[in-house]
Amino acid sequence: MIDISTLKEYIKVLEESSLVTLELCDETDSIRLEKAQAAPSAPAAVTVNAAPVQAAAPAAEPEESGKTISAPIVGVFYAAPSPESDPYVHVGKKVKKGDVVCIIEAMKCMNEIQAEEDGEITAVLATNGELVEYNQPLFAIK
């Protein structure tokens, strides 16, 4: 759980920055800080919304005998390098350790996710353009 002194530090950072929203997540909590829209002469206020973290359900269940490639970070899942490009991988594609399998966008940074072992993709478990959570299975691989 995020303690009150740490929360106060995050509120101060948000108030003193040009950010409008700051979202913090750990294994048990999710806190979203937002600057309230204030009148031009009034100082901005910060609202705090706290809710328990719930794991997102995968799009499909991985095969029990296979392994998964999981999201190393929270962000938006992209199956291809651009909207008009083919996906990096598809069901039946053989990958080698180090091959790029997707991109996860986090804080406007595009992070290439690589296969950690050789194998064959047996299922795509994430939906293109959707938010994925930390450690959420993205692909089943055998």
Protein backbone atom coordinates (compact mmCIF):
# COMPACT_ATOMS: atom_id res chain seq x y z
CA MET A 1 0.00 0.00 0.00
CA ILE A 2 1.20 3.50 -0.76
CA ASP A 3 1.82 5.38 2.48
CA ILE A 4 0.52 8.90 3.13
CA SER A 5 3.93 10.61 3.05
CA THR A 6 4.71 9.11 -0.36
CA LEU A 7 1.26 10.12 -1.59
CA LYS A 8 1.86 13.71 -0.41
CA GLU A 9 5.14 13.76 -2.35
CA TYR A 10 3.36 12.62 -5.53
CA ILE A 11 0.67 15.28 -5.03
CA LYS A 12 3.39 17.93 -4.69
CA VAL A 13 5.09 16.69 -7.87
CA LEU A 14 1.77 16.83 -9.74
CA GLU A 15 0.93 20.32 -8.46
CA GLU A 16 4.35 21.69 -9.44
CA SER A 17 4.42 20.09 -12.89
CA SER A 18 2.57 20.56 -16.16
CA LEU A 19 1.08 17.07 -15.80
CA VAL A 20 -2.69 16.83 -15.58
CA THR A 21 -2.92 13.19 -14.43
CA LEU A 22 -0.60 10.89 -12.49
CA GLU A 23 -1.48 7.22 -12.03
CA LEU A 24 0.30 4.94 -9.55
CA CYS A 25 -0.15 1.18 -9.28
CA ASP A 26 1.32 -1.56 -7.16
CA GLU A 27 0.26 -5.15 -6.43
CA THR A 28 -2.67 -4.09 -4.22
CA ASP A 29 -3.58 -0.49 -4.97
CA SER A 30 -4.17 1.85 -7.85
CA ILE A 31 -4.19 5.60 -7.24
CA ARG A 32 -5.01 8.20 -9.86
CA LEU A 33 -4.20 11.85 -9.16
CA GLU A 34 -5.83 14.48 -11.37
CA LYS A 35 -5.57 18.24 -11.41
CA ALA A 36 -9.03 19.78 -11.18
CA GLN A 37 -9.83 22.40 -13.79
CA ALA A 38 -9.74 25.66 -11.87
CA ALA A 39 -10.64 29.21 -12.77
CA PRO A 40 -7.62 31.13 -14.17
CA SER A 41 -7.14 33.10 -10.92
CA ALA A 42 -7.56 30.09 -8.59
CA PRO A 43 -4.82 27.54 -7.88
CA ALA A 44 -5.32 24.03 -9.24
CA ALA A 45 -6.63 21.40 -6.84
CA VAL A 46 -5.69 17.74 -6.87
CA THR A 47 -8.26 14.97 -6.53
CA VAL A 48 -7.34 11.45 -5.42
CA ASN A 49 -9.20 8.35 -6.58
CA ALA A 50 -8.13 5.06 -5.00
CA ALA A 51 -9.37 1.64 -6.03
CA PRO A 52 -8.17 -1.93 -5.57
CA VAL A 53 -6.24 -3.30 -8.53
CA GLN A 54 -8.01 -6.04 -10.45
CA ALA A 55 -6.16 -8.20 -12.93
CA ALA A 56 -7.43 -7.94 -16.48
CA ALA A 57 -8.76 -11.17 -17.95
CA PRO A 58 -6.70 -12.45 -20.88
CA ALA A 59 -8.37 -12.64 -24.30
CA ALA A 60 -7.79 -16.40 -24.41
CA GLU A 61 -6.45 -19.04 -22.05
CA PRO A 62 -2.89 -20.25 -22.71
CA GLU A 63 -2.38 -23.95 -23.30
CA GLU A 64 -1.56 -25.72 -20.06
CA SER A 65 1.54 -27.42 -21.50
CA GLY A 66 2.90 -24.23 -23.06
CA LYS A 67 4.55 -21.15 -21.65
CA THR A 68 3.62 -17.51 -22.04
CA ILE A 69 5.32 -14.28 -23.00
CA SER A 70 4.08 -11.77 -20.42
CA ALA A 71 4.03 -7.99 -20.29
CA PRO A 72 7.09 -6.66 -18.43
CA ILE A 73 5.38 -3.26 -17.97
CA VAL A 74 1.94 -1.65 -17.91
CA GLY A 75 0.98 0.04 -21.17
CA VAL A 76 -0.85 -0.19 -24.48
CA PHE A 77 -0.25 -3.38 -26.49
CA TYR A 78 0.54 -3.04 -30.19
CA ALA A 79 0.93 -6.17 -32.32
CA ALA A 80 2.60 -4.31 -35.22
CA PRO A 81 5.14 -1.48 -35.61
CA SER A 82 2.50 0.73 -37.31
CA PRO A 83 -1.23 0.52 -38.09
CA GLU A 84 -0.60 -0.37 -41.74
CA SER A 85 2.09 -3.00 -40.98
CA ASP A 86 1.65 -6.73 -40.49
CA PRO A 87 1.86 -8.00 -36.88
CA TYR A 88 5.28 -9.00 -35.59
CA VAL A 89 3.99 -12.53 -34.85
CA HIS A 90 0.88 -14.64 -35.44
CA VAL A 91 -0.32 -18.09 -34.40
CA GLY A 92 2.03 -20.66 -35.89
CA LYS A 93 4.99 -18.26 -36.24
CA LYS A 94 8.30 -19.63 -35.00
CA VAL A 95 10.34 -17.15 -32.94
CA LYS A 96 13.87 -17.16 -31.64
CA LYS A 97 15.11 -15.72 -28.39
CA GLY A 98 15.44 -11.95 -28.89
CA ASP A 99 12.88 -11.65 -31.71
CA VAL A 100 10.51 -8.69 -31.27
CA VAL A 101 6.97 -10.00 -30.69
CA CYS A 102 5.10 -6.73 -29.98
CA ILE A 103 5.37 -3.18 -28.67
CA ILE A 104 4.06 -1.83 -25.39
CA GLU A 105 3.63 1.94 -25.23
CA ALA A 106 4.21 3.35 -21.76
CA MET A 107 4.34 7.10 -21.13
CA LYS A 108 4.76 7.85 -24.86
CA CYS A 109 7.74 5.48 -25.08
CA MET A 110 7.53 2.52 -27.46
CA ASN A 111 9.07 -0.55 -25.79
CA GLU A 112 9.88 -3.53 -28.01
CA ILE A 113 9.03 -6.79 -26.24
CA GLN A 114 11.26 -9.71 -27.18
CA ALA A 115 10.83 -13.47 -26.98
CA GLU A 116 12.78 -14.87 -24.05
CA GLU A 117 13.19 -18.30 -25.66
CA ASP A 118 12.86 -20.12 -28.97
CA GLY A 119 9.43 -21.53 -29.77
CA GLU A 120 6.21 -21.31 -31.73
CA ILE A 121 3.38 -18.86 -31.00
CA THR A 122 0.25 -20.91 -30.17
CA ALA A 123 -2.08 -18.05 -29.15
CA VAL A 124 -2.26 -14.25 -29.11
CA LEU A 125 -3.71 -13.41 -25.68
CA ALA A 126 -3.80 -9.59 -25.85
CA THR A 127 -5.93 -7.29 -27.98
CA ASN A 128 -4.23 -4.75 -30.23
CA GLY A 129 -4.57 -1.20 -28.90
CA GLU A 130 -5.76 -2.31 -25.45
CA LEU A 131 -4.14 -1.65 -22.08
CA VAL A 132 -2.17 -4.55 -20.61
CA GLU A 133 -1.16 -4.97 -17.00
CA TYR A 134 2.23 -5.92 -15.58
CA ASN A 135 2.84 -9.68 -15.99
CA GLN A 136 -0.33 -10.17 -18.09
CA PRO A 137 0.17 -13.00 -20.62
CA LEU A 138 0.49 -11.61 -24.16
CA PHE A 139 1.27 -14.76 -26.14
CA ALA A 140 1.25 -18.52 -25.55
CA ILE A 141 4.40 -20.21 -26.84
CA LYS A 142 5.55 -23.81 -27.00
